[in-house]
Amino acid sequence: MGTGVRVLPYGDRALLVEVEDASAVAGVRRALEAGPLPGQRELVPAASTVLVLLDRPPTDLDIATLRRLPAAAAGPEATAAPVTLPVVWDGPDLAEVAGLLGRAVPDLVVALTEVEFTVAFSGFAPGFGYLTGLPAELQVPRRTTPRTRVPAGSVALAGPYAGVYPRASPGGWQLVGRTDAVLFDVDREPPALLAPGARVRFRGVG
């Protein structure tokens, strides 16, 4: 991996791997899924880090192993079929986003349904997956003024990411649609519909 990689103690049973970007995060995650450390219990990827949770105190050998992991894993991300989310494209920011991108609304909708996203990491709220794969020509900034309440199921864009709000909450992303898919259910295994590494597609309905 690159010289910018750092491995830091995180409590008494975890190590934090700091890398350069989301691509390197995916490489670390996939390498540790294929060849876990002894006693590895869970991986928590984020925008530029991977938290490695163990059932024991970490050792110098663990740190050395993590520093030698490849920055990117070879081969396809996953063989499982993509998660398809039904989306009604009627978000309150849809027309404004289309204007920012210099597109007609129908053209923007078609473009978004053609993208295959990948869940890079989870965060913000249980079940919220940060979806990467959005082409540069479809990227828009966050809203200058966040909303105090975004409805559950809102499909949104912000910078290089797309995402779906699993529950009602404040938020500053651009809302372009909505889905009735259940993103998080404590009675489901696994509870989160969009796990890191999963591929995701939007399918227009309504």
N, C-alpha and C. Protein backbone atom coordinates (compact mmCIF):
# COMPACT_ATOMS: atom_id res chain seq x y z
N MET A 1 0.84 -1.19 0.00
CA MET A 1 0.00 0.00 0.00
C MET A 1 0.88 1.25 0.00
N GLY A 2 0.28 2.40 -0.16
CA GLY A 2 1.05 3.62 -0.27
C GLY A 2 1.66 4.03 1.06
N THR A 3 2.63 4.93 0.97
CA THR A 3 3.33 5.38 2.18
C THR A 3 2.43 6.20 3.08
N GLY A 4 1.30 6.68 2.57
CA GLY A 4 0.40 7.48 3.39
C GLY A 4 -0.48 6.65 4.31
N VAL A 5 -0.38 5.32 4.23
CA VAL A 5 -1.22 4.47 5.07
C VAL A 5 -0.71 4.48 6.50
N ARG A 6 -1.65 4.61 7.43
CA ARG A 6 -1.30 4.53 8.85
C ARG A 6 -2.20 3.51 9.53
N VAL A 7 -1.65 2.81 10.51
CA VAL A 7 -2.41 1.87 11.32
C VAL A 7 -2.28 2.32 12.77
N LEU A 8 -3.41 2.63 13.39
CA LEU A 8 -3.41 3.22 14.72
C LEU A 8 -4.20 2.34 15.69
N PRO A 9 -3.75 2.25 16.95
CA PRO A 9 -4.57 1.56 17.96
C PRO A 9 -5.89 2.31 18.15
N TYR A 10 -6.95 1.54 18.37
CA TYR A 10 -8.28 2.13 18.58
C TYR A 10 -8.91 1.37 19.75
N GLY A 11 -8.73 1.89 20.94
CA GLY A 11 -9.15 1.14 22.12
C GLY A 11 -8.23 -0.03 22.35
N ASP A 12 -8.70 -1.03 23.09
CA ASP A 12 -7.83 -2.15 23.43
C ASP A 12 -8.11 -3.39 22.59
N ARG A 13 -9.07 -3.32 21.63
CA ARG A 13 -9.38 -4.48 20.81
C ARG A 13 -9.68 -4.09 19.36
N ALA A 14 -9.03 -3.06 18.87
CA ALA A 14 -9.29 -2.64 17.49
C ALA A 14 -8.10 -1.87 16.95
N LEU A 15 -8.03 -1.83 15.62
CA LEU A 15 -7.03 -1.04 14.91
C LEU A 15 -7.74 -0.22 13.84
N LEU A 16 -7.26 1.00 13.63
CA LEU A 16 -7.83 1.89 12.63
C LEU A 16 -6.82 2.02 11.49
N VAL A 17 -7.24 1.63 10.29
CA VAL A 17 -6.40 1.74 9.11
C VAL A 17 -6.79 3.00 8.36
N GLU A 18 -5.87 3.95 8.25
CA GLU A 18 -6.11 5.19 7.52
C GLU A 18 -5.49 5.09 6.13
N VAL A 19 -6.29 5.36 5.10
CA VAL A 19 -5.82 5.27 3.72
C VAL A 19 -6.17 6.56 2.98
N GLU A 20 -5.89 6.57 1.67
CA GLU A 20 -5.99 7.83 0.93
C GLU A 20 -7.40 8.15 0.45
N ASP A 21 -8.17 7.13 0.07
CA ASP A 21 -9.46 7.43 -0.55
C ASP A 21 -10.37 6.21 -0.47
N ALA A 22 -11.58 6.36 -1.03
CA ALA A 22 -12.58 5.29 -0.96
C ALA A 22 -12.13 4.04 -1.70
N SER A 23 -11.36 4.21 -2.79
CA SER A 23 -10.88 3.05 -3.52
C SER A 23 -9.96 2.20 -2.65
N ALA A 24 -9.07 2.87 -1.90
CA ALA A 24 -8.17 2.13 -1.00
C ALA A 24 -8.95 1.49 0.14
N VAL A 25 -10.00 2.17 0.62
CA VAL A 25 -10.86 1.58 1.65
C VAL A 25 -11.45 0.27 1.14
N ALA A 26 -11.95 0.28 -0.09
CA ALA A 26 -12.53 -0.94 -0.67
C ALA A 26 -11.49 -2.05 -0.77
N GLY A 27 -10.26 -1.69 -1.14
CA GLY A 27 -9.20 -2.68 -1.23
C GLY A 27 -8.90 -3.33 0.11
N VAL A 28 -8.81 -2.51 1.16
CA VAL A 28 -8.55 -3.03 2.51
C VAL A 28 -9.71 -3.92 2.96
N ARG A 29 -10.92 -3.44 2.77
CA ARG A 29 -12.08 -4.22 3.20
C ARG A 29 -12.14 -5.57 2.52
N ARG A 30 -11.96 -5.58 1.22
CA ARG A 30 -12.06 -6.82 0.48
C ARG A 30 -10.94 -7.78 0.84
N ALA A 31 -9.73 -7.26 1.05
CA ALA A 31 -8.61 -8.12 1.44
C ALA A 31 -8.86 -8.76 2.80
N LEU A 32 -9.43 -8.00 3.74
CA LEU A 32 -9.69 -8.54 5.07
C LEU A 32 -10.92 -9.45 5.10
N GLU A 33 -11.83 -9.28 4.19
CA GLU A 33 -12.94 -10.22 4.07
C GLU A 33 -12.44 -11.57 3.53
N ALA A 34 -11.50 -11.50 2.57
CA ALA A 34 -10.96 -12.73 1.98
C ALA A 34 -9.97 -13.43 2.92
N GLY A 35 -9.19 -12.64 3.66
CA GLY A 35 -8.19 -13.20 4.57
C GLY A 35 -8.20 -12.45 5.89
N PRO A 36 -9.16 -12.74 6.76
CA PRO A 36 -9.27 -11.98 8.01
C PRO A 36 -8.11 -12.21 8.96
N LEU A 37 -7.87 -11.22 9.81
CA LEU A 37 -6.91 -11.39 10.89
C LEU A 37 -7.44 -12.43 11.88
N PRO A 38 -6.57 -13.12 12.59
CA PRO A 38 -7.05 -14.01 13.65
C PRO A 38 -7.88 -13.24 14.67
N GLY A 39 -9.06 -13.74 14.97
CA GLY A 39 -9.92 -13.07 15.94
C GLY A 39 -10.65 -11.86 15.40
N GLN A 40 -10.64 -11.67 14.07
CA GLN A 40 -11.35 -10.52 13.48
C GLN A 40 -12.85 -10.71 13.62
N ARG A 41 -13.53 -9.70 14.19
CA ARG A 41 -14.96 -9.80 14.44
C ARG A 41 -15.79 -8.95 13.48
N GLU A 42 -15.28 -7.78 13.12
CA GLU A 42 -16.09 -6.87 12.31
C GLU A 42 -15.19 -5.87 11.62
N LEU A 43 -15.62 -5.42 10.43
CA LEU A 43 -14.96 -4.34 9.70
C LEU A 43 -15.94 -3.19 9.57
N VAL A 44 -15.46 -1.98 9.83
CA VAL A 44 -16.32 -0.80 9.71
C VAL A 44 -15.63 0.18 8.76
N PRO A 45 -15.94 0.13 7.46
CA PRO A 45 -15.33 1.07 6.52
C PRO A 45 -15.97 2.45 6.62
N ALA A 46 -15.18 3.47 6.31
CA ALA A 46 -15.65 4.85 6.24
C ALA A 46 -15.04 5.49 5.00
N ALA A 47 -15.08 6.81 4.90
CA ALA A 47 -14.64 7.49 3.69
C ALA A 47 -13.16 7.25 3.41
N SER A 48 -12.31 7.23 4.44
CA SER A 48 -10.88 7.02 4.24
C SER A 48 -10.26 6.18 5.35
N THR A 49 -11.06 5.41 6.05
CA THR A 49 -10.56 4.55 7.11
C THR A 49 -11.32 3.22 7.12
N VAL A 50 -10.68 2.22 7.72
CA VAL A 50 -11.34 0.95 8.00
C VAL A 50 -11.03 0.59 9.45
N LEU A 51 -12.06 0.45 10.26
CA LEU A 51 -11.89 0.03 11.65
C LEU A 51 -11.97 -1.49 11.70
N VAL A 52 -10.93 -2.10 12.26
CA VAL A 52 -10.85 -3.56 12.36
C VAL A 52 -11.07 -3.94 13.82
N LEU A 53 -12.21 -4.55 14.10
CA LEU A 53 -12.55 -4.95 15.46
C LEU A 53 -12.14 -6.40 15.68
N LEU A 54 -11.47 -6.66 16.81
CA LEU A 54 -10.95 -7.98 17.14
C LEU A 54 -11.57 -8.49 18.43
N ASP A 55 -11.41 -9.79 18.69
CA ASP A 55 -11.88 -10.34 19.97
C ASP A 55 -10.73 -10.48 20.97
N ARG A 56 -9.64 -9.75 20.70
CA ARG A 56 -8.43 -9.84 21.53
C ARG A 56 -7.64 -8.56 21.35
N PRO A 57 -6.66 -8.30 22.19
CA PRO A 57 -5.80 -7.13 21.97
C PRO A 57 -4.97 -7.30 20.70
N PRO A 58 -4.80 -6.25 19.92
CA PRO A 58 -4.00 -6.34 18.70
C PRO A 58 -2.51 -6.50 19.00
N THR A 59 -1.78 -7.04 18.04
CA THR A 59 -0.35 -7.27 18.19
C THR A 59 0.43 -6.51 17.12
N ASP A 60 1.75 -6.47 17.28
CA ASP A 60 2.60 -5.86 16.26
C ASP A 60 2.47 -6.59 14.93
N LEU A 61 2.23 -7.91 14.97
CA LEU A 61 2.06 -8.66 13.73
C LEU A 61 0.80 -8.22 13.00
N ASP A 62 -0.27 -7.93 13.74
CA ASP A 62 -1.50 -7.42 13.12
C ASP A 62 -1.22 -6.11 12.39
N ILE A 63 -0.50 -5.23 13.05
CA ILE A 63 -0.19 -3.93 12.44
C ILE A 63 0.64 -4.11 11.18
N ALA A 64 1.64 -5.00 11.24
CA ALA A 64 2.48 -5.24 10.07
C ALA A 64 1.67 -5.85 8.93
N THR A 65 0.74 -6.75 9.26
CA THR A 65 -0.10 -7.36 8.24
C THR A 65 -0.98 -6.33 7.56
N LEU A 66 -1.57 -5.44 8.35
CA LEU A 66 -2.44 -4.41 7.78
C LEU A 66 -1.66 -3.46 6.89
N ARG A 67 -0.44 -3.17 7.25
CA ARG A 67 0.38 -2.26 6.43
C ARG A 67 0.76 -2.87 5.09
N ARG A 68 0.70 -4.19 4.99
CA ARG A 68 1.08 -4.87 3.74
C ARG A 68 -0.12 -5.18 2.85
N LEU A 69 -1.33 -4.83 3.28
CA LEU A 69 -2.50 -5.15 2.47
C LEU A 69 -2.47 -4.37 1.15
N PRO A 70 -3.01 -4.98 0.09
CA PRO A 70 -3.03 -4.27 -1.20
C PRO A 70 -3.97 -3.08 -1.16
N ALA A 71 -3.60 -2.06 -1.91
CA ALA A 71 -4.43 -0.84 -1.96
C ALA A 71 -5.71 -1.06 -2.74
N ALA A 72 -5.73 -2.09 -3.59
CA ALA A 72 -6.94 -2.39 -4.36
C ALA A 72 -6.97 -3.89 -4.58
N ALA A 73 -8.14 -4.48 -4.43
CA ALA A 73 -8.28 -5.91 -4.64
C ALA A 73 -8.56 -6.20 -6.10
N ALA A 74 -7.96 -7.29 -6.58
CA ALA A 74 -8.16 -7.67 -7.98
C ALA A 74 -9.51 -8.33 -8.15
N GLY A 75 -10.02 -8.29 -9.39
CA GLY A 75 -11.26 -8.99 -9.68
C GLY A 75 -12.48 -8.16 -9.39
N PRO A 76 -13.65 -8.67 -9.73
CA PRO A 76 -14.90 -7.93 -9.50
C PRO A 76 -15.22 -7.80 -8.04
N GLU A 77 -15.99 -6.78 -7.69
CA GLU A 77 -16.34 -6.51 -6.30
C GLU A 77 -17.18 -7.62 -5.71
N ALA A 78 -18.16 -8.08 -6.44
CA ALA A 78 -19.04 -9.10 -5.89
C ALA A 78 -19.77 -9.80 -7.01
N THR A 79 -20.22 -11.03 -6.75
CA THR A 79 -20.95 -11.78 -7.75
C THR A 79 -22.45 -11.71 -7.50
N ALA A 80 -22.87 -11.26 -6.35
CA ALA A 80 -24.30 -11.19 -6.04
C ALA A 80 -24.98 -10.17 -6.96
N ALA A 81 -26.24 -10.43 -7.24
CA ALA A 81 -27.01 -9.50 -8.08
C ALA A 81 -27.15 -8.17 -7.38
N PRO A 82 -27.23 -7.08 -8.13
CA PRO A 82 -27.41 -5.77 -7.50
C PRO A 82 -28.73 -5.68 -6.73
N VAL A 83 -28.73 -4.86 -5.70
CA VAL A 83 -29.97 -4.52 -5.00
C VAL A 83 -30.68 -3.47 -5.85
N THR A 84 -31.90 -3.75 -6.24
CA THR A 84 -32.66 -2.82 -7.07
C THR A 84 -33.68 -2.09 -6.21
N LEU A 85 -33.60 -0.77 -6.21
CA LEU A 85 -34.52 0.04 -5.42
C LEU A 85 -35.54 0.71 -6.33
N PRO A 86 -36.84 0.49 -6.11
CA PRO A 86 -37.86 1.19 -6.90
C PRO A 86 -37.92 2.66 -6.47
N VAL A 87 -37.86 3.55 -7.43
CA VAL A 87 -37.80 4.98 -7.13
C VAL A 87 -38.86 5.74 -7.91
N VAL A 88 -39.61 6.58 -7.20
CA VAL A 88 -40.48 7.56 -7.83
C VAL A 88 -39.68 8.85 -7.93
N TRP A 89 -39.46 9.32 -9.15
CA TRP A 89 -38.59 10.49 -9.35
C TRP A 89 -39.42 11.77 -9.27
N ASP A 90 -39.72 12.19 -8.05
CA ASP A 90 -40.50 13.41 -7.86
C ASP A 90 -39.95 14.24 -6.71
N GLY A 91 -38.65 14.13 -6.45
CA GLY A 91 -38.04 14.86 -5.34
C GLY A 91 -38.17 16.36 -5.49
N PRO A 92 -38.24 17.10 -4.38
CA PRO A 92 -38.42 18.55 -4.45
C PRO A 92 -37.24 19.28 -5.08
N ASP A 93 -36.09 18.64 -5.17
CA ASP A 93 -34.91 19.30 -5.77
C ASP A 93 -34.63 18.79 -7.17
N LEU A 94 -35.46 17.90 -7.71
CA LEU A 94 -35.15 17.27 -9.00
C LEU A 94 -34.98 18.28 -10.11
N ALA A 95 -35.91 19.22 -10.23
CA ALA A 95 -35.84 20.19 -11.32
C ALA A 95 -34.62 21.10 -11.15
N GLU A 96 -34.32 21.49 -9.90
CA GLU A 96 -33.16 22.35 -9.67
C GLU A 96 -31.87 21.61 -9.99
N VAL A 97 -31.79 20.34 -9.60
CA VAL A 97 -30.59 19.56 -9.90
C VAL A 97 -30.42 19.42 -11.41
N ALA A 98 -31.52 19.14 -12.12
CA ALA A 98 -31.43 19.04 -13.58
C ALA A 98 -30.92 20.35 -14.18
N GLY A 99 -31.41 21.48 -13.65
CA GLY A 99 -30.93 22.77 -14.13
C GLY A 99 -29.45 22.99 -13.87
N LEU A 100 -29.00 22.60 -12.67
CA LEU A 100 -27.58 22.74 -12.34
C LEU A 100 -26.71 21.93 -13.29
N LEU A 101 -27.24 20.79 -13.73
CA LEU A 101 -26.46 19.90 -14.61
C LEU A 101 -26.70 20.19 -16.09
N GLY A 102 -27.56 21.14 -16.37
CA GLY A 102 -27.84 21.47 -17.76
C GLY A 102 -28.56 20.38 -18.52
N ARG A 103 -29.44 19.65 -17.82
CA ARG A 103 -30.17 18.55 -18.42
C ARG A 103 -31.68 18.75 -18.26
N ALA A 104 -32.43 18.12 -19.13
CA ALA A 104 -33.87 18.03 -18.92
C ALA A 104 -34.12 16.98 -17.84
N VAL A 105 -35.21 17.15 -17.10
CA VAL A 105 -35.52 16.21 -16.02
C VAL A 105 -35.59 14.77 -16.52
N PRO A 106 -36.30 14.47 -17.62
CA PRO A 106 -36.35 13.07 -18.08
C PRO A 106 -34.96 12.51 -18.40
N ASP A 107 -34.09 13.33 -18.97
CA ASP A 107 -32.75 12.87 -19.29
C ASP A 107 -31.95 12.56 -18.01
N LEU A 108 -32.13 13.39 -16.98
CA LEU A 108 -31.44 13.15 -15.72
C LEU A 108 -31.92 11.84 -15.09
N VAL A 109 -33.23 11.61 -15.13
CA VAL A 109 -33.79 10.38 -14.56
C VAL A 109 -33.22 9.16 -15.28
N VAL A 110 -33.17 9.20 -16.59
CA VAL A 110 -32.61 8.08 -17.35
C VAL A 110 -31.15 7.86 -16.97
N ALA A 111 -30.38 8.93 -16.85
CA ALA A 111 -28.97 8.81 -16.51
C ALA A 111 -28.78 8.17 -15.13
N LEU A 112 -29.61 8.57 -14.17
CA LEU A 112 -29.47 8.01 -12.82
C LEU A 112 -29.86 6.54 -12.78
N THR A 113 -30.82 6.13 -13.59
CA THR A 113 -31.21 4.72 -13.60
C THR A 113 -30.21 3.86 -14.35
N GLU A 114 -29.32 4.46 -15.12
CA GLU A 114 -28.31 3.69 -15.84
C GLU A 114 -27.05 3.44 -15.01
N VAL A 115 -26.91 4.15 -13.90
CA VAL A 115 -25.70 4.01 -13.08
C VAL A 115 -25.80 2.77 -12.20
N GLU A 116 -24.72 2.00 -12.12
CA GLU A 116 -24.63 0.94 -11.12
C GLU A 116 -23.75 1.46 -9.99
N PHE A 117 -24.32 1.64 -8.82
CA PHE A 117 -23.63 2.18 -7.66
C PHE A 117 -23.02 1.05 -6.84
N THR A 118 -22.09 1.42 -5.97
CA THR A 118 -21.53 0.49 -5.00
C THR A 118 -21.60 1.15 -3.63
N VAL A 119 -22.02 0.40 -2.62
CA VAL A 119 -22.04 0.92 -1.26
C VAL A 119 -20.61 0.97 -0.75
N ALA A 120 -20.08 2.17 -0.60
CA ALA A 120 -18.69 2.32 -0.14
C ALA A 120 -18.58 2.11 1.36
N PHE A 121 -19.53 2.69 2.10
CA PHE A 121 -19.52 2.57 3.55
C PHE A 121 -20.88 3.02 4.07
N SER A 122 -21.12 2.73 5.34
CA SER A 122 -22.37 3.11 5.99
C SER A 122 -22.09 4.19 7.02
N GLY A 123 -23.10 4.97 7.33
CA GLY A 123 -22.90 6.01 8.33
C GLY A 123 -24.10 6.91 8.43
N PHE A 124 -23.96 7.97 9.21
CA PHE A 124 -24.99 9.00 9.39
C PHE A 124 -26.17 8.47 10.18
N ALA A 125 -26.76 7.35 9.73
CA ALA A 125 -27.88 6.73 10.43
C ALA A 125 -27.86 5.25 10.08
N PRO A 126 -28.37 4.38 10.95
CA PRO A 126 -28.41 2.95 10.63
C PRO A 126 -29.13 2.69 9.31
N GLY A 127 -28.44 1.99 8.41
CA GLY A 127 -29.02 1.68 7.12
C GLY A 127 -28.70 2.65 6.02
N PHE A 128 -28.01 3.76 6.33
CA PHE A 128 -27.66 4.73 5.30
C PHE A 128 -26.35 4.31 4.64
N GLY A 129 -26.42 3.98 3.35
CA GLY A 129 -25.23 3.61 2.61
C GLY A 129 -24.78 4.74 1.70
N TYR A 130 -23.50 5.06 1.74
CA TYR A 130 -22.92 6.05 0.83
C TYR A 130 -22.62 5.35 -0.49
N LEU A 131 -23.34 5.71 -1.54
CA LEU A 131 -23.25 5.04 -2.83
C LEU A 131 -22.27 5.76 -3.74
N THR A 132 -21.25 5.06 -4.18
CA THR A 132 -20.28 5.62 -5.12
C THR A 132 -20.57 5.12 -6.52
N GLY A 133 -19.91 5.73 -7.49
CA GLY A 133 -20.11 5.37 -8.89
C GLY A 133 -20.82 6.45 -9.69
N LEU A 134 -21.21 7.53 -9.03
CA LEU A 134 -21.89 8.62 -9.72
C LEU A 134 -20.89 9.34 -10.63
N PRO A 135 -21.15 9.39 -11.95
CA PRO A 135 -20.21 10.08 -12.85
C PRO A 135 -20.09 11.56 -12.50
N ALA A 136 -18.94 12.13 -12.83
CA ALA A 136 -18.69 13.53 -12.50
C ALA A 136 -19.76 14.45 -13.10
N GLU A 137 -20.29 14.08 -14.27
CA GLU A 137 -21.26 14.96 -14.93
C GLU A 137 -22.63 14.91 -14.26
N LEU A 138 -22.81 14.04 -13.25
CA LEU A 138 -24.07 13.97 -12.51
C LEU A 138 -23.91 14.43 -11.06
N GLN A 139 -22.78 14.99 -10.73
CA GLN A 139 -22.53 15.38 -9.34
C GLN A 139 -22.94 16.83 -9.09
N VAL A 140 -23.58 17.04 -7.95
CA VAL A 140 -24.02 18.38 -7.55
C VAL A 140 -23.66 18.60 -6.09
N PRO A 141 -23.47 19.85 -5.67
CA PRO A 141 -23.12 20.11 -4.27
C PRO A 141 -24.32 19.91 -3.35
N ARG A 142 -24.02 19.81 -2.07
CA ARG A 142 -25.08 19.78 -1.06
C ARG A 142 -25.85 21.09 -1.10
N ARG A 143 -27.04 21.10 -0.52
CA ARG A 143 -27.81 22.32 -0.41
C ARG A 143 -27.10 23.32 0.50
N THR A 144 -27.22 24.59 0.17
CA THR A 144 -26.58 25.60 1.02
C THR A 144 -27.25 25.69 2.39
N THR A 145 -28.55 25.40 2.43
CA THR A 145 -29.29 25.39 3.70
C THR A 145 -29.91 24.01 3.90
N PRO A 146 -29.45 23.24 4.88
CA PRO A 146 -30.02 21.91 5.11
C PRO A 146 -31.49 22.00 5.53
N ARG A 147 -32.21 20.97 5.24
CA ARG A 147 -33.60 20.86 5.70
C ARG A 147 -33.62 20.36 7.15
N THR A 148 -34.60 20.81 7.89
CA THR A 148 -34.74 20.32 9.27
C THR A 148 -35.34 18.92 9.31
N ARG A 149 -36.04 18.52 8.23
CA ARG A 149 -36.61 17.17 8.18
C ARG A 149 -36.65 16.69 6.74
N VAL A 150 -35.98 15.56 6.52
CA VAL A 150 -36.03 14.87 5.23
C VAL A 150 -36.84 13.60 5.43
N PRO A 151 -37.87 13.35 4.61
CA PRO A 151 -38.69 12.15 4.81
C PRO A 151 -37.91 10.86 4.61
N ALA A 152 -38.29 9.82 5.33
CA ALA A 152 -37.71 8.50 5.14
C ALA A 152 -37.92 8.04 3.71
N GLY A 153 -36.92 7.38 3.15
CA GLY A 153 -37.01 6.88 1.78
C GLY A 153 -36.58 7.87 0.72
N SER A 154 -36.18 9.09 1.12
CA SER A 154 -35.76 10.08 0.14
C SER A 154 -34.46 9.65 -0.55
N VAL A 155 -34.46 9.71 -1.86
CA VAL A 155 -33.27 9.41 -2.67
C VAL A 155 -32.57 10.73 -2.94
N ALA A 156 -31.27 10.79 -2.65
CA ALA A 156 -30.60 12.08 -2.62
C ALA A 156 -29.20 12.00 -3.23
N LEU A 157 -28.70 13.18 -3.63
CA LEU A 157 -27.37 13.32 -4.21
C LEU A 157 -26.61 14.38 -3.43
N ALA A 158 -25.29 14.18 -3.31
CA ALA A 158 -24.42 15.18 -2.69
C ALA A 158 -22.98 14.90 -3.10
N GLY A 159 -22.40 15.79 -3.92
CA GLY A 159 -21.03 15.57 -4.36
C GLY A 159 -20.91 14.26 -5.12
N PRO A 160 -19.92 13.42 -4.78
CA PRO A 160 -19.73 12.16 -5.51
C PRO A 160 -20.65 11.04 -5.06
N TYR A 161 -21.54 11.30 -4.10
CA TYR A 161 -22.34 10.24 -3.50
C TYR A 161 -23.81 10.35 -3.85
N ALA A 162 -24.47 9.20 -3.86
CA ALA A 162 -25.92 9.11 -3.80
C ALA A 162 -26.26 8.37 -2.52
N GLY A 163 -27.50 8.49 -2.07
CA GLY A 163 -27.89 7.81 -0.84
C GLY A 163 -29.40 7.84 -0.68
N VAL A 164 -29.88 7.02 0.26
CA VAL A 164 -31.30 6.96 0.57
C VAL A 164 -31.46 7.10 2.08
N TYR A 165 -32.25 8.07 2.50
CA TYR A 165 -32.46 8.29 3.94
C TYR A 165 -33.32 7.15 4.50
N PRO A 166 -32.80 6.38 5.45
CA PRO A 166 -33.57 5.25 5.97
C PRO A 166 -34.67 5.66 6.93
N ARG A 167 -34.59 6.86 7.47
CA ARG A 167 -35.62 7.35 8.39
C ARG A 167 -35.67 8.87 8.28
N ALA A 168 -36.73 9.45 8.77
CA ALA A 168 -36.85 10.91 8.74
C ALA A 168 -35.78 11.53 9.62
N SER A 169 -35.10 12.55 9.10
CA SER A 169 -34.01 13.19 9.84
C SER A 169 -33.66 14.50 9.16
N PRO A 170 -32.91 15.38 9.81
CA PRO A 170 -32.38 16.54 9.12
C PRO A 170 -31.40 16.10 8.03
N GLY A 171 -31.20 16.95 7.03
CA GLY A 171 -30.26 16.59 5.98
C GLY A 171 -30.07 17.70 4.97
N GLY A 172 -28.90 17.70 4.34
CA GLY A 172 -28.57 18.75 3.39
C GLY A 172 -28.34 18.26 1.97
N TRP A 173 -28.69 17.00 1.69
CA TRP A 173 -28.50 16.48 0.35
C TRP A 173 -29.64 16.92 -0.57
N GLN A 174 -29.38 16.84 -1.88
CA GLN A 174 -30.38 17.22 -2.89
C GLN A 174 -31.34 16.05 -3.09
N LEU A 175 -32.64 16.29 -2.86
CA LEU A 175 -33.64 15.23 -2.92
C LEU A 175 -34.22 15.13 -4.32
N VAL A 176 -34.01 13.97 -4.95
CA VAL A 176 -34.45 13.80 -6.34
C VAL A 176 -35.55 12.75 -6.50
N GLY A 177 -35.81 11.94 -5.48
CA GLY A 177 -36.82 10.90 -5.60
C GLY A 177 -37.13 10.29 -4.25
N ARG A 178 -37.91 9.20 -4.29
CA ARG A 178 -38.25 8.50 -3.04
C ARG A 178 -38.48 7.03 -3.35
N THR A 179 -38.23 6.19 -2.35
CA THR A 179 -38.45 4.76 -2.47
C THR A 179 -39.19 4.25 -1.24
N ASP A 180 -39.94 3.16 -1.41
CA ASP A 180 -40.60 2.56 -0.26
C ASP A 180 -39.81 1.35 0.26
N ALA A 181 -38.60 1.15 -0.25
CA ALA A 181 -37.76 0.05 0.24
C ALA A 181 -37.41 0.27 1.71
N VAL A 182 -37.40 -0.79 2.50
CA VAL A 182 -37.04 -0.72 3.91
C VAL A 182 -35.52 -0.86 4.01
N LEU A 183 -34.86 0.23 4.36
CA LEU A 183 -33.40 0.24 4.38
C LEU A 183 -32.82 -0.42 5.62
N PHE A 184 -33.56 -0.38 6.73
CA PHE A 184 -33.04 -0.94 7.98
C PHE A 184 -34.19 -1.55 8.77
N ASP A 185 -33.99 -2.80 9.19
CA ASP A 185 -35.01 -3.53 9.95
C ASP A 185 -34.30 -4.41 10.96
N VAL A 186 -34.47 -4.13 12.23
CA VAL A 186 -33.76 -4.87 13.27
C VAL A 186 -34.17 -6.34 13.29
N ASP A 187 -35.31 -6.68 12.72
CA ASP A 187 -35.77 -8.06 12.70
C ASP A 187 -35.30 -8.82 11.46
N ARG A 188 -34.52 -8.15 10.61
CA ARG A 188 -34.02 -8.77 9.39
C ARG A 188 -32.55 -9.12 9.58
N GLU A 189 -32.07 -10.15 8.87
CA GLU A 189 -30.66 -10.52 8.95
C GLU A 189 -30.06 -10.53 7.55
N PRO A 190 -29.14 -9.61 7.25
CA PRO A 190 -28.68 -8.52 8.13
C PRO A 190 -29.71 -7.39 8.17
N PRO A 191 -29.67 -6.57 9.22
CA PRO A 191 -30.66 -5.49 9.34
C PRO A 191 -30.60 -4.47 8.21
N ALA A 192 -29.37 -4.14 7.74
CA ALA A 192 -29.20 -3.12 6.70
C ALA A 192 -29.34 -3.75 5.32
N LEU A 193 -30.19 -3.16 4.49
CA LEU A 193 -30.37 -3.64 3.12
C LEU A 193 -29.13 -3.36 2.27
N LEU A 194 -28.46 -2.23 2.53
CA LEU A 194 -27.32 -1.81 1.73
C LEU A 194 -26.03 -1.95 2.54
N ALA A 195 -25.37 -3.09 2.41
CA ALA A 195 -24.13 -3.34 3.13
C ALA A 195 -22.95 -2.90 2.29
N PRO A 196 -21.83 -2.50 2.91
CA PRO A 196 -20.64 -2.13 2.14
C PRO A 196 -20.26 -3.22 1.14
N GLY A 197 -19.99 -2.79 -0.09
CA GLY A 197 -19.64 -3.71 -1.15
C GLY A 197 -20.80 -4.09 -2.04
N ALA A 198 -22.03 -3.89 -1.57
CA ALA A 198 -23.21 -4.24 -2.38
C ALA A 198 -23.33 -3.31 -3.58
N ARG A 199 -23.78 -3.87 -4.69
CA ARG A 199 -24.08 -3.07 -5.87
C ARG A 199 -25.56 -2.65 -5.81
N VAL A 200 -25.85 -1.47 -6.30
CA VAL A 200 -27.19 -0.91 -6.18
C VAL A 200 -27.59 -0.24 -7.49
N ARG A 201 -28.84 -0.47 -7.88
CA ARG A 201 -29.39 0.23 -9.05
C ARG A 201 -30.73 0.82 -8.67
N PHE A 202 -31.09 1.93 -9.31
CA PHE A 202 -32.38 2.55 -9.17
C PHE A 202 -33.27 2.14 -10.35
N ARG A 203 -34.53 1.81 -10.04
CA ARG A 203 -35.50 1.47 -11.10
C ARG A 203 -36.69 2.42 -10.96
N GLY A 204 -36.95 3.16 -12.01
CA GLY A 204 -38.04 4.12 -11.96
C GLY A 204 -39.41 3.45 -11.91
N VAL A 205 -40.30 3.95 -11.06
CA VAL A 205 -41.66 3.44 -10.98
C VAL A 205 -42.60 4.65 -10.88
N GLY A 206 -43.87 4.43 -11.15
CA GLY A 206 -44.83 5.49 -10.99
C GLY A 206 -44.77 6.51 -12.10
